[in-house]
Amino acid sequence: MLSPHRVVIAAFPGVEPLNVTGPAEVFSVATRVAGAARPGYSVRIATPGGEPVATAGGIRLMADLTLDEVPGTVDTLLVSGAVRVNDHGVEPVVDGAIVDWLRTAAPGDHRLASVCSGAHLLAAAGLLDGLSATTHWRTAARLAADHPRVTVDPDPIFIREGRLWTCAGIASGMDMALAMVSEDHGPELALATARTMVMYVKRAGGQSQFSVPLALPADPGDRIDDLRVWIGDHLAEDLSADALAARLHLSVRHFARLFRRRTGITPAAYVESVRLEAARRLLQDSSHTLPEIAALSGIGSVESLHRVFRGRLGTTPAEYRRRFR
């Protein structure tokens, strides 16, 4: 009889409960749906000292083992995340014990993943250097600032780079776990698992984790935020860095620096994201043709529309409309 796929989820005090229980439940349901025909999954929770941990919501999670007891034969290692809210806003919690353990435990060929702000722990251990990664949009700019060797994309639900996976905020850990089930046992089991859990059958990893205009709430009176509002109302106009800098009477270099400091991304990346968001909404909520959507969103041509959707969402406009409308 084949052994179950061994999953360990690392947790620590203050962790978001769904960062742990969400993926765990996906693997558990997949095992029950598979029945005796497939080995399924064995899921265990590890904490620094093997002690129960209080989550951000006050629920206590029991540990199955200490970090030092995690076997080197583990198949999938998930690192959960936590945030704290203070006068500076929302900040990721980087647990030193987890980071130190990751430097030793992470080497190997097992699958390694973070859930939500757990990406900050992987980055602190040097495991994301030279790779693309995502995390919750509220901490993405901090991840990019603290770890310049990591290419941070705040948009996708999850990103896979070889054996390393990172995902966005909280519930996206379940989407990532479903994708892992699909990789391990095929799309049929992932589909059956999603149906059992009354989840959306499949959210592509590249699907946006948030509505771009709402991701960074505008602060009236801030020049960059006022410009962002203007951009959303003028998508079909020239939104090049040169044109936007001229609108604020700034040099292109100074404008680009200010914009990235405020938003965490370049002006070009932001404009493309806002236009993509507009195109997504038009596909979902209207009957406009693809040429009309390309024009209204400012993307321009149907060819460019296809390029952006394939590059950012891993799908075509027509397929996106079929799924989400």
C-alpha atoms as a PDB file:
ATOM      1  CA  MET A   1       0.000   0.000   0.000  1.00  0.00           C
ATOM      2  CA  LEU A   2       1.324   3.437  -0.926  1.00  0.00           C
ATOM      3  CA  SER A   3       2.175   5.847   1.889  1.00  0.00           C
ATOM      4  CA  PRO A   4       0.168   9.079   2.155  1.00  0.00           C
ATOM      5  CA  HIS A   5       1.687  12.346   1.001  1.00  0.00           C
ATOM      6  CA  ARG A   6       3.254  13.844   4.147  1.00  0.00           C
ATOM      7  CA  VAL A   7       2.346  17.489   4.774  1.00  0.00           C
ATOM      8  CA  VAL A   8       3.714  19.551   7.659  1.00  0.00           C
ATOM      9  CA  ILE A   9       2.385  23.039   8.414  1.00  0.00           C
ATOM     10  CA  ALA A  10       4.646  25.247  10.525  1.00  0.00           C
ATOM     11  CA  ALA A  11       2.773  27.538  12.906  1.00  0.00           C
ATOM     12  CA  PHE A  12       3.695  30.010  15.644  1.00  0.00           C
ATOM     13  CA  PRO A  13       1.891  32.308  18.109  1.00  0.00           C
ATOM     14  CA  GLY A  14      -0.351  34.901  16.472  1.00  0.00           C
ATOM     15  CA  VAL A  15      -0.720  32.988  13.197  1.00  0.00           C
ATOM     16  CA  GLU A  16      -3.859  33.558  11.165  1.00  0.00           C
ATOM     17  CA  PRO A  17      -5.962  30.425  11.805  1.00  0.00           C
ATOM     18  CA  LEU A  18      -7.151  29.968   8.213  1.00  0.00           C
ATOM     19  CA  ASN A  19      -3.520  30.023   7.035  1.00  0.00           C
ATOM     20  CA  VAL A  20      -3.192  26.683   8.822  1.00  0.00           C
ATOM     21  CA  THR A  21      -6.657  25.170   8.812  1.00  0.00           C
ATOM     22  CA  GLY A  22      -7.581  26.174   5.243  1.00  0.00           C
ATOM     23  CA  PRO A  23      -4.897  24.149   3.418  1.00  0.00           C
ATOM     24  CA  ALA A  24      -5.165  21.392   6.031  1.00  0.00           C
ATOM     25  CA  GLU A  25      -8.872  21.004   5.322  1.00  0.00           C
ATOM     26  CA  VAL A  26      -8.303  20.854   1.558  1.00  0.00           C
ATOM     27  CA  PHE A  27      -5.808  18.013   1.998  1.00  0.00           C
ATOM     28  CA  SER A  28      -8.103  16.283   4.493  1.00  0.00           C
ATOM     29  CA  VAL A  29     -11.168  16.479   2.243  1.00  0.00           C
ATOM     30  CA  ALA A  30      -9.118  15.310  -0.757  1.00  0.00           C
ATOM     31  CA  THR A  31      -8.071  12.258   1.252  1.00  0.00           C
ATOM     32  CA  ARG A  32     -11.660  11.431   2.193  1.00  0.00           C
ATOM     33  CA  VAL A  33     -12.926  11.990  -1.344  1.00  0.00           C
ATOM     34  CA  ALA A  34     -10.179   9.783  -2.776  1.00  0.00           C
ATOM     35  CA  GLY A  35     -11.119   6.960  -0.443  1.00  0.00           C
ATOM     36  CA  ALA A  36      -9.125   3.749  -0.358  1.00  0.00           C
ATOM     37  CA  ALA A  37      -8.220   4.032  -4.037  1.00  0.00           C
ATOM     38  CA  ARG A  38      -5.462   6.592  -3.385  1.00  0.00           C
ATOM     39  CA  PRO A  39      -3.076   7.220  -0.497  1.00  0.00           C
ATOM     40  CA  GLY A  40      -4.215  10.784   0.128  1.00  0.00           C
ATOM     41  CA  TYR A  41      -2.491  13.038   2.647  1.00  0.00           C
ATOM     42  CA  SER A  42      -1.197  12.991   6.196  1.00  0.00           C
ATOM     43  CA  VAL A  43      -1.240  16.507   7.703  1.00  0.00           C
ATOM     44  CA  ARG A  44       0.607  17.487  10.873  1.00  0.00           C
ATOM     45  CA  ILE A  45       1.142  20.833  12.599  1.00  0.00           C
ATOM     46  CA  ALA A  46       4.583  21.742  13.939  1.00  0.00           C
ATOM     47  CA  THR A  47       5.399  24.581  16.341  1.00  0.00           C
ATOM     48  CA  PRO A  48       8.775  25.738  17.689  1.00  0.00           C
ATOM     49  CA  GLY A  49       8.474  23.832  20.968  1.00  0.00           C
ATOM     50  CA  GLY A  50       5.601  21.521  20.167  1.00  0.00           C
ATOM     51  CA  GLU A  51       3.319  23.660  22.294  1.00  0.00           C
ATOM     52  CA  PRO A  52      -0.228  24.771  21.436  1.00  0.00           C
ATOM     53  CA  VAL A  53      -0.305  28.228  19.850  1.00  0.00           C
ATOM     54  CA  ALA A  54      -2.930  30.934  20.159  1.00  0.00           C
ATOM     55  CA  THR A  55      -3.956  32.257  16.748  1.00  0.00           C
ATOM     56  CA  ALA A  56      -4.770  35.841  15.830  1.00  0.00           C
ATOM     57  CA  GLY A  57      -8.443  35.003  16.284  1.00  0.00           C
ATOM     58  CA  GLY A  58      -7.907  33.564  19.757  1.00  0.00           C
ATOM     59  CA  ILE A  59      -8.409  29.943  18.711  1.00  0.00           C
ATOM     60  CA  ARG A  60      -5.723  27.619  20.034  1.00  0.00           C
ATOM     61  CA  LEU A  61      -4.110  25.138  17.666  1.00  0.00           C
ATOM     62  CA  MET A  62      -2.647  21.913  18.995  1.00  0.00           C
ATOM     63  CA  ALA A  63       0.750  20.841  17.669  1.00  0.00           C
ATOM     64  CA  ASP A  64       1.591  17.325  16.562  1.00  0.00           C
ATOM     65  CA  LEU A  65       5.340  17.755  16.835  1.00  0.00           C
ATOM     66  CA  THR A  66       8.154  20.246  17.375  1.00  0.00           C
ATOM     67  CA  LEU A  67      10.026  21.830  14.505  1.00  0.00           C
ATOM     68  CA  ASP A  68      13.067  19.688  15.334  1.00  0.00           C
ATOM     69  CA  GLU A  69      10.923  16.563  15.039  1.00  0.00           C
ATOM     70  CA  VAL A  70       9.834  17.326  11.468  1.00  0.00           C
ATOM     71  CA  PRO A  71      11.236  14.475   9.387  1.00  0.00           C
ATOM     72  CA  GLY A  72      13.484  15.134   6.439  1.00  0.00           C
ATOM     73  CA  THR A  73      11.203  12.859   4.424  1.00  0.00           C
ATOM     74  CA  VAL A  74       8.321  15.342   4.507  1.00  0.00           C
ATOM     75  CA  ASP A  75       6.770  15.771   1.049  1.00  0.00           C
ATOM     76  CA  THR A  76       5.245  19.242   1.432  1.00  0.00           C
ATOM     77  CA  LEU A  77       6.232  21.881   3.976  1.00  0.00           C
ATOM     78  CA  LEU A  78       3.886  24.861   4.420  1.00  0.00           C
ATOM     79  CA  VAL A  79       4.858  27.981   6.364  1.00  0.00           C
ATOM     80  CA  SER A  80       1.909  29.971   7.663  1.00  0.00           C
ATOM     81  CA  GLY A  81       1.945  33.710   8.236  1.00  0.00           C
ATOM     82  CA  ALA A  82       0.860  36.337  10.733  1.00  0.00           C
ATOM     83  CA  VAL A  83       0.545  40.108  10.816  1.00  0.00           C
ATOM     84  CA  ARG A  84       0.340  42.745  13.522  1.00  0.00           C
ATOM     85  CA  VAL A  85      -1.434  46.080  13.327  1.00  0.00           C
ATOM     86  CA  ASN A  86       0.293  49.099  14.849  1.00  0.00           C
ATOM     87  CA  ASP A  87       0.717  52.838  14.286  1.00  0.00           C
ATOM     88  CA  HIS A  88       2.665  52.085  11.108  1.00  0.00           C
ATOM     89  CA  GLY A  89      -0.129  49.993   9.627  1.00  0.00           C
ATOM     90  CA  VAL A  90      -0.075  46.257   8.954  1.00  0.00           C
ATOM     91  CA  GLU A  91       3.292  44.550   9.412  1.00  0.00           C
ATOM     92  CA  PRO A  92       4.258  40.913   8.868  1.00  0.00           C
ATOM     93  CA  VAL A  93       5.398  38.894  11.850  1.00  0.00           C
ATOM     94  CA  VAL A  94       8.773  37.268  11.169  1.00  0.00           C
ATOM     95  CA  ASP A  95       9.212  34.560  13.786  1.00  0.00           C
ATOM     96  CA  GLY A  96      12.924  34.054  14.417  1.00  0.00           C
ATOM     97  CA  ALA A  97      12.598  30.422  15.481  1.00  0.00           C
ATOM     98  CA  ILE A  98      10.796  29.525  12.256  1.00  0.00           C
ATOM     99  CA  VAL A  99      13.336  31.411  10.129  1.00  0.00           C
ATOM    100  CA  ASP A 100      16.320  29.722  11.823  1.00  0.00           C
ATOM    101  CA  TRP A 101      14.697  26.330  11.419  1.00  0.00           C
ATOM    102  CA  LEU A 102      13.902  26.946   7.748  1.00  0.00           C
ATOM    103  CA  ARG A 103      17.560  27.529   6.946  1.00  0.00           C
ATOM    104  CA  THR A 104      18.227  23.951   8.008  1.00  0.00           C
ATOM    105  CA  ALA A 105      14.943  22.228   7.209  1.00  0.00           C
ATOM    106  CA  ALA A 106      14.192  23.751   3.813  1.00  0.00           C
ATOM    107  CA  PRO A 107      17.097  22.268   1.808  1.00  0.00           C
ATOM    108  CA  GLY A 108      16.009  19.155  -0.067  1.00  0.00           C
ATOM    109  CA  ASP A 109      13.685  18.304  -2.888  1.00  0.00           C
ATOM    110  CA  HIS A 110      10.380  18.473  -0.999  1.00  0.00           C
ATOM    111  CA  ARG A 111       7.745  21.003  -1.963  1.00  0.00           C
ATOM    112  CA  LEU A 112       8.008  24.203   0.046  1.00  0.00           C
ATOM    113  CA  ALA A 113       5.257  26.791   0.275  1.00  0.00           C
ATOM    114  CA  SER A 114       4.158  29.849   2.214  1.00  0.00           C
ATOM    115  CA  VAL A 115       0.637  30.963   3.019  1.00  0.00           C
ATOM    116  CA  CYS A 116      -0.119  34.682   3.062  1.00  0.00           C
ATOM    117  CA  SER A 117       2.616  36.630   4.901  1.00  0.00           C
ATOM    118  CA  GLY A 118       4.524  33.410   5.465  1.00  0.00           C
ATOM    119  CA  ALA A 119       6.464  34.518   2.373  1.00  0.00           C
ATOM    120  CA  HIS A 120       8.295  36.980   4.638  1.00  0.00           C
ATOM    121  CA  LEU A 121       9.696  34.055   6.622  1.00  0.00           C
ATOM    122  CA  LEU A 122      10.851  32.234   3.484  1.00  0.00           C
ATOM    123  CA  ALA A 123      12.485  35.445   2.268  1.00  0.00           C
ATOM    124  CA  ALA A 124      14.178  36.068   5.634  1.00  0.00           C
ATOM    125  CA  ALA A 125      15.679  32.584   5.382  1.00  0.00           C
ATOM    126  CA  GLY A 126      17.057  33.455   1.921  1.00  0.00           C
ATOM    127  CA  LEU A 127      14.858  30.928   0.159  1.00  0.00           C
ATOM    128  CA  LEU A 128      13.204  33.334  -2.278  1.00  0.00           C
ATOM    129  CA  ASP A 129      16.333  35.106  -3.541  1.00  0.00           C
ATOM    130  CA  GLY A 130      16.289  35.333  -7.329  1.00  0.00           C
ATOM    131  CA  LEU A 131      12.685  34.111  -7.525  1.00  0.00           C
ATOM    132  CA  SER A 132       9.272  35.633  -8.115  1.00  0.00           C
ATOM    133  CA  ALA A 133       6.906  35.522  -5.156  1.00  0.00           C
ATOM    134  CA  THR A 134       3.624  36.885  -3.923  1.00  0.00           C
ATOM    135  CA  THR A 135       2.073  37.567  -0.537  1.00  0.00           C
ATOM    136  CA  HIS A 136      -0.899  39.425   0.893  1.00  0.00           C
ATOM    137  CA  TRP A 137      -1.247  42.751  -0.917  1.00  0.00           C
ATOM    138  CA  ARG A 138      -1.057  44.642   2.380  1.00  0.00           C
ATOM    139  CA  THR A 139       2.513  43.465   3.006  1.00  0.00           C
ATOM    140  CA  ALA A 140       3.792  43.075  -0.567  1.00  0.00           C
ATOM    141  CA  ALA A 141       5.534  46.465  -0.618  1.00  0.00           C
ATOM    142  CA  ARG A 142       7.272  45.608   2.659  1.00  0.00           C
ATOM    143  CA  LEU A 143       8.427  42.266   1.239  1.00  0.00           C
ATOM    144  CA  ALA A 144       9.907  44.028  -1.806  1.00  0.00           C
ATOM    145  CA  ALA A 145      11.599  46.687   0.324  1.00  0.00           C
ATOM    146  CA  ASP A 146      13.084  44.232   2.834  1.00  0.00           C
ATOM    147  CA  HIS A 147      14.212  41.697   0.230  1.00  0.00           C
ATOM    148  CA  PRO A 148      15.316  43.407  -3.004  1.00  0.00           C
ATOM    149  CA  ARG A 149      16.593  40.099  -4.419  1.00  0.00           C
ATOM    150  CA  VAL A 150      13.011  38.802  -4.502  1.00  0.00           C
ATOM    151  CA  THR A 151      10.792  39.788  -7.429  1.00  0.00           C
ATOM    152  CA  VAL A 152       7.522  40.561  -5.669  1.00  0.00           C
ATOM    153  CA  ASP A 153       4.289  40.467  -7.648  1.00  0.00           C
ATOM    154  CA  PRO A 154       1.388  41.584  -5.422  1.00  0.00           C
ATOM    155  CA  ASP A 155      -1.290  40.582  -7.918  1.00  0.00           C
ATOM    156  CA  PRO A 156      -1.572  36.767  -8.340  1.00  0.00           C
ATOM    157  CA  ILE A 157      -3.393  34.393  -6.025  1.00  0.00           C
ATOM    158  CA  PHE A 158      -0.347  32.140  -6.005  1.00  0.00           C
ATOM    159  CA  ILE A 159       2.977  31.763  -7.792  1.00  0.00           C
ATOM    160  CA  ARG A 160       4.941  28.583  -8.371  1.00  0.00           C
ATOM    161  CA  GLU A 161       8.692  28.654  -8.943  1.00  0.00           C
ATOM    162  CA  GLY A 162       9.821  25.047  -9.241  1.00  0.00           C
ATOM    163  CA  ARG A 163       9.396  23.429  -5.822  1.00  0.00           C
ATOM    164  CA  LEU A 164       8.670  26.781  -4.168  1.00  0.00           C
ATOM    165  CA  TRP A 165       5.120  28.114  -3.966  1.00  0.00           C
ATOM    166  CA  THR A 166       3.876  31.385  -2.458  1.00  0.00           C
ATOM    167  CA  CYS A 167       0.304  32.581  -2.187  1.00  0.00           C
ATOM    168  CA  ALA A 168      -1.636  35.698  -1.341  1.00  0.00           C
ATOM    169  CA  GLY A 169      -4.005  36.426   1.500  1.00  0.00           C
ATOM    170  CA  ILE A 170      -5.453  33.798   3.790  1.00  0.00           C
ATOM    171  CA  ALA A 171      -8.176  32.042   1.714  1.00  0.00           C
ATOM    172  CA  SER A 172      -5.832  31.796  -1.296  1.00  0.00           C
ATOM    173  CA  GLY A 173      -3.964  29.115   0.653  1.00  0.00           C
ATOM    174  CA  MET A 174      -6.913  26.862  -0.113  1.00  0.00           C
ATOM    175  CA  ASP A 175      -6.646  27.646  -3.834  1.00  0.00           C
ATOM    176  CA  MET A 176      -2.946  26.802  -3.695  1.00  0.00           C
ATOM    177  CA  ALA A 177      -3.653  23.564  -1.838  1.00  0.00           C
ATOM    178  CA  LEU A 178      -6.219  22.598  -4.495  1.00  0.00           C
ATOM    179  CA  ALA A 179      -3.586  23.199  -7.172  1.00  0.00           C
ATOM    180  CA  MET A 180      -1.235  20.914  -5.247  1.00  0.00           C
ATOM    181  CA  VAL A 181      -3.902  18.212  -5.087  1.00  0.00           C
ATOM    182  CA  SER A 182      -4.317  18.560  -8.847  1.00  0.00           C
ATOM    183  CA  GLU A 183      -0.565  18.205  -9.333  1.00  0.00           C
ATOM    184  CA  ASP A 184      -0.327  15.190  -7.025  1.00  0.00           C
ATOM    185  CA  HIS A 185      -3.457  13.270  -8.008  1.00  0.00           C
ATOM    186  CA  GLY A 186      -4.887  14.895 -11.111  1.00  0.00           C
ATOM    187  CA  PRO A 187      -7.563  17.518 -11.797  1.00  0.00           C
ATOM    188  CA  GLU A 188     -10.447  15.093 -11.224  1.00  0.00           C
ATOM    189  CA  LEU A 189      -9.692  14.745  -7.514  1.00  0.00           C
ATOM    190  CA  ALA A 190      -9.098  18.494  -7.185  1.00  0.00           C
ATOM    191  CA  LEU A 191     -12.458  19.125  -8.852  1.00  0.00           C
ATOM    192  CA  ALA A 192     -14.257  16.658  -6.592  1.00  0.00           C
ATOM    193  CA  THR A 193     -12.573  18.187  -3.539  1.00  0.00           C
ATOM    194  CA  ALA A 194     -13.595  21.710  -4.541  1.00  0.00           C
ATOM    195  CA  ARG A 195     -17.185  20.606  -5.098  1.00  0.00           C
ATOM    196  CA  THR A 196     -17.288  18.885  -1.724  1.00  0.00           C
ATOM    197  CA  MET A 197     -16.019  22.041  -0.031  1.00  0.00           C
ATOM    198  CA  VAL A 198     -18.399  24.246  -2.079  1.00  0.00           C
ATOM    199  CA  MET A 199     -15.402  26.186  -3.325  1.00  0.00           C
ATOM    200  CA  TYR A 200     -15.010  27.750  -6.720  1.00  0.00           C
ATOM    201  CA  VAL A 201     -13.920  24.786  -8.827  1.00  0.00           C
ATOM    202  CA  LYS A 202     -10.644  26.324  -9.929  1.00  0.00           C
ATOM    203  CA  ARG A 203      -9.236  29.793  -9.542  1.00  0.00           C
ATOM    204  CA  ALA A 204      -6.188  30.170 -11.750  1.00  0.00           C
ATOM    205  CA  GLY A 205      -3.043  31.020  -9.817  1.00  0.00           C
ATOM    206  CA  GLY A 206      -2.597  34.128 -11.909  1.00  0.00           C
ATOM    207  CA  GLN A 207      -6.044  35.492 -11.121  1.00  0.00           C
ATOM    208  CA  SER A 208      -5.810  38.833  -9.364  1.00  0.00           C
ATOM    209  CA  GLN A 209      -6.066  38.660  -5.576  1.00  0.00           C
ATOM    210  CA  PHE A 210      -7.669  42.084  -5.301  1.00  0.00           C
ATOM    211  CA  SER A 211      -9.352  44.896  -7.119  1.00  0.00           C
ATOM    212  CA  VAL A 212      -6.510  47.204  -8.134  1.00  0.00           C
ATOM    213  CA  PRO A 213      -8.236  50.541  -7.410  1.00  0.00           C
ATOM    214  CA  LEU A 214      -9.160  49.331  -3.911  1.00  0.00           C
ATOM    215  CA  ALA A 215      -5.844  47.704  -3.058  1.00  0.00           C
ATOM    216  CA  LEU A 216      -4.314  50.971  -1.847  1.00  0.00           C
ATOM    217  CA  PRO A 217      -7.067  53.221  -0.500  1.00  0.00           C
ATOM    218  CA  ALA A 218      -6.624  56.738  -1.847  1.00  0.00           C
ATOM    219  CA  ASP A 219      -5.596  59.498   0.532  1.00  0.00           C
ATOM    220  CA  PRO A 220      -7.197  62.725  -0.727  1.00  0.00           C
ATOM    221  CA  GLY A 221      -4.574  65.407  -1.147  1.00  0.00           C
ATOM    222  CA  ASP A 222      -1.760  62.958  -1.870  1.00  0.00           C
ATOM    223  CA  ARG A 223      -0.540  63.728  -5.394  1.00  0.00           C
ATOM    224  CA  ILE A 224       0.155  60.113  -6.295  1.00  0.00           C
ATOM    225  CA  ASP A 225      -3.191  58.940  -4.932  1.00  0.00           C
ATOM    226  CA  ASP A 226      -5.025  61.723  -6.759  1.00  0.00           C
ATOM    227  CA  LEU A 227      -3.258  60.595  -9.915  1.00  0.00           C
ATOM    228  CA  ARG A 228      -4.312  57.005  -9.323  1.00  0.00           C
ATOM    229  CA  VAL A 229      -7.937  58.110  -9.162  1.00  0.00           C
ATOM    230  CA  TRP A 230      -7.462  60.067 -12.393  1.00  0.00           C
ATOM    231  CA  ILE A 231      -5.862  57.048 -14.084  1.00  0.00           C
ATOM    232  CA  GLY A 232      -8.918  54.930 -13.268  1.00  0.00           C
ATOM    233  CA  ASP A 233     -11.152  57.467 -15.013  1.00  0.00           C
ATOM    234  CA  HIS A 234      -8.960  57.901 -18.121  1.00  0.00           C
ATOM    235  CA  LEU A 235      -7.836  54.410 -19.094  1.00  0.00           C
ATOM    236  CA  ALA A 236      -7.998  55.048 -22.842  1.00  0.00           C
ATOM    237  CA  GLU A 237      -5.629  58.040 -22.670  1.00  0.00           C
ATOM    238  CA  ASP A 238      -1.833  58.148 -22.849  1.00  0.00           C
ATOM    239  CA  LEU A 239      -0.745  56.733 -19.484  1.00  0.00           C
ATOM    240  CA  SER A 240       2.952  56.370 -20.194  1.00  0.00           C
ATOM    241  CA  ALA A 241       5.394  57.330 -17.444  1.00  0.00           C
ATOM    242  CA  ASP A 242       6.350  60.413 -19.479  1.00  0.00           C
ATOM    243  CA  ALA A 243       2.743  61.562 -19.745  1.00  0.00           C
ATOM    244  CA  LEU A 244       1.961  60.886 -16.081  1.00  0.00           C
ATOM    245  CA  ALA A 245       5.128  62.621 -14.891  1.00  0.00           C
ATOM    246  CA  ALA A 246       4.293  65.648 -17.017  1.00  0.00           C
ATOM    247  CA  ARG A 247       0.838  65.766 -15.485  1.00  0.00           C
ATOM    248  CA  LEU A 248       2.433  66.166 -12.044  1.00  0.00           C
ATOM    249  CA  HIS A 249       5.164  68.511 -13.381  1.00  0.00           C
ATOM    250  CA  LEU A 250       7.885  66.092 -12.277  1.00  0.00           C
ATOM    251  CA  SER A 251      10.849  64.518 -14.004  1.00  0.00           C
ATOM    252  CA  VAL A 252      10.189  60.946 -15.104  1.00  0.00           C
ATOM    253  CA  ARG A 253      12.829  59.590 -12.738  1.00  0.00           C
ATOM    254  CA  HIS A 254      11.520  61.485  -9.719  1.00  0.00           C
ATOM    255  CA  PHE A 255       7.930  60.565 -10.548  1.00  0.00           C
ATOM    256  CA  ALA A 256       8.775  56.874 -10.919  1.00  0.00           C
ATOM    257  CA  ARG A 257      10.567  56.899  -7.567  1.00  0.00           C
ATOM    258  CA  LEU A 258       7.654  58.582  -5.771  1.00  0.00           C
ATOM    259  CA  PHE A 259       5.090  56.297  -7.399  1.00  0.00           C
ATOM    260  CA  ARG A 260       6.942  53.122  -6.455  1.00  0.00           C
ATOM    261  CA  ARG A 261       7.449  54.353  -2.891  1.00  0.00           C
ATOM    262  CA  ARG A 262       3.695  54.943  -2.524  1.00  0.00           C
ATOM    263  CA  THR A 263       2.368  51.854  -4.320  1.00  0.00           C
ATOM    264  CA  GLY A 264       5.175  49.292  -4.266  1.00  0.00           C
ATOM    265  CA  ILE A 265       5.127  48.870  -8.058  1.00  0.00           C
ATOM    266  CA  THR A 266       6.212  50.831 -11.132  1.00  0.00           C
ATOM    267  CA  PRO A 267       3.828  53.197 -12.941  1.00  0.00           C
ATOM    268  CA  ALA A 268       3.785  50.894 -15.982  1.00  0.00           C
ATOM    269  CA  ALA A 269       2.919  47.837 -13.869  1.00  0.00           C
ATOM    270  CA  TYR A 270       0.189  49.770 -12.077  1.00  0.00           C
ATOM    271  CA  VAL A 271      -1.373  51.049 -15.293  1.00  0.00           C
ATOM    272  CA  GLU A 272      -1.355  47.563 -16.798  1.00  0.00           C
ATOM    273  CA  SER A 273      -2.956  46.179 -13.621  1.00  0.00           C
ATOM    274  CA  VAL A 274      -5.710  48.805 -13.624  1.00  0.00           C
ATOM    275  CA  ARG A 275      -6.407  48.247 -17.308  1.00  0.00           C
ATOM    276  CA  LEU A 276      -6.457  44.504 -16.766  1.00  0.00           C
ATOM    277  CA  GLU A 277      -8.877  44.972 -13.872  1.00  0.00           C
ATOM    278  CA  ALA A 278     -11.153  47.036 -16.116  1.00  0.00           C
ATOM    279  CA  ALA A 279     -10.998  44.401 -18.844  1.00  0.00           C
ATOM    280  CA  ARG A 280     -11.800  41.667 -16.333  1.00  0.00           C
ATOM    281  CA  ARG A 281     -14.856  43.521 -15.098  1.00  0.00           C
ATOM    282  CA  LEU A 282     -16.064  44.195 -18.628  1.00  0.00           C
ATOM    283  CA  LEU A 283     -15.701  40.513 -19.473  1.00  0.00           C
ATOM    284  CA  GLN A 284     -17.609  39.543 -16.350  1.00  0.00           C
ATOM    285  CA  ASP A 285     -20.326  42.195 -16.347  1.00  0.00           C
ATOM    286  CA  SER A 286     -20.932  43.286 -19.953  1.00  0.00           C
ATOM    287  CA  SER A 287     -21.622  41.935 -23.415  1.00  0.00           C
ATOM    288  CA  HIS A 288     -18.966  44.064 -25.117  1.00  0.00           C
ATOM    289  CA  THR A 289     -16.920  42.375 -27.826  1.00  0.00           C
ATOM    290  CA  LEU A 290     -13.205  41.801 -27.326  1.00  0.00           C
ATOM    291  CA  PRO A 291     -12.235  44.743 -29.600  1.00  0.00           C
ATOM    292  CA  GLU A 292     -14.555  47.001 -27.595  1.00  0.00           C
ATOM    293  CA  ILE A 293     -13.136  45.781 -24.290  1.00  0.00           C
ATOM    294  CA  ALA A 294      -9.571  46.285 -25.528  1.00  0.00           C
ATOM    295  CA  ALA A 295     -10.424  49.875 -26.449  1.00  0.00           C
ATOM    296  CA  LEU A 296     -12.466  50.747 -23.348  1.00  0.00           C
ATOM    297  CA  SER A 297      -9.842  49.357 -20.965  1.00  0.00           C
ATOM    298  CA  GLY A 298      -7.025  51.174 -22.747  1.00  0.00           C
ATOM    299  CA  ILE A 299      -5.205  47.941 -23.570  1.00  0.00           C
ATOM    300  CA  GLY A 300      -5.611  48.807 -27.226  1.00  0.00           C
ATOM    301  CA  SER A 301      -5.904  45.762 -29.445  1.00  0.00           C
ATOM    302  CA  VAL A 302      -7.279  42.255 -29.135  1.00  0.00           C
ATOM    303  CA  GLU A 303      -3.736  40.961 -29.602  1.00  0.00           C
ATOM    304  CA  SER A 304      -2.547  43.028 -26.630  1.00  0.00           C
ATOM    305  CA  LEU A 305      -5.567  41.878 -24.644  1.00  0.00           C
ATOM    306  CA  HIS A 306      -4.590  38.257 -25.229  1.00  0.00           C
ATOM    307  CA  ARG A 307      -0.957  38.987 -24.360  1.00  0.00           C
ATOM    308  CA  VAL A 308      -1.837  40.640 -21.041  1.00  0.00           C
ATOM    309  CA  PHE A 309      -4.316  37.930 -20.039  1.00  0.00           C
ATOM    310  CA  ARG A 310      -1.909  35.128 -20.868  1.00  0.00           C
ATOM    311  CA  GLY A 311       1.011  36.855 -19.163  1.00  0.00           C
ATOM    312  CA  ARG A 312      -0.829  37.937 -16.015  1.00  0.00           C
ATOM    313  CA  LEU A 313      -3.636  35.408 -15.599  1.00  0.00           C
ATOM    314  CA  GLY A 314      -2.449  32.406 -17.579  1.00  0.00           C
ATOM    315  CA  THR A 315      -5.651  32.258 -19.609  1.00  0.00           C
ATOM    316  CA  THR A 316      -7.392  33.881 -22.574  1.00  0.00           C
ATOM    317  CA  PRO A 317     -10.067  36.606 -22.414  1.00  0.00           C
ATOM    318  CA  ALA A 318     -12.661  34.203 -23.798  1.00  0.00           C
ATOM    319  CA  GLU A 319     -11.823  31.522 -21.251  1.00  0.00           C
ATOM    320  CA  TYR A 320     -11.889  34.100 -18.454  1.00  0.00           C
ATOM    321  CA  ARG A 321     -15.351  35.255 -19.535  1.00  0.00           C
ATOM    322  CA  ARG A 322     -16.572  31.669 -19.669  1.00  0.00           C
ATOM    323  CA  ARG A 323     -15.339  30.965 -16.130  1.00  0.00           C
ATOM    324  CA  PHE A 324     -16.276  34.117 -14.293  1.00  0.00           C
ATOM    325  CA  ARG A 325     -19.267  35.643 -16.004  1.00  0.00           C
END
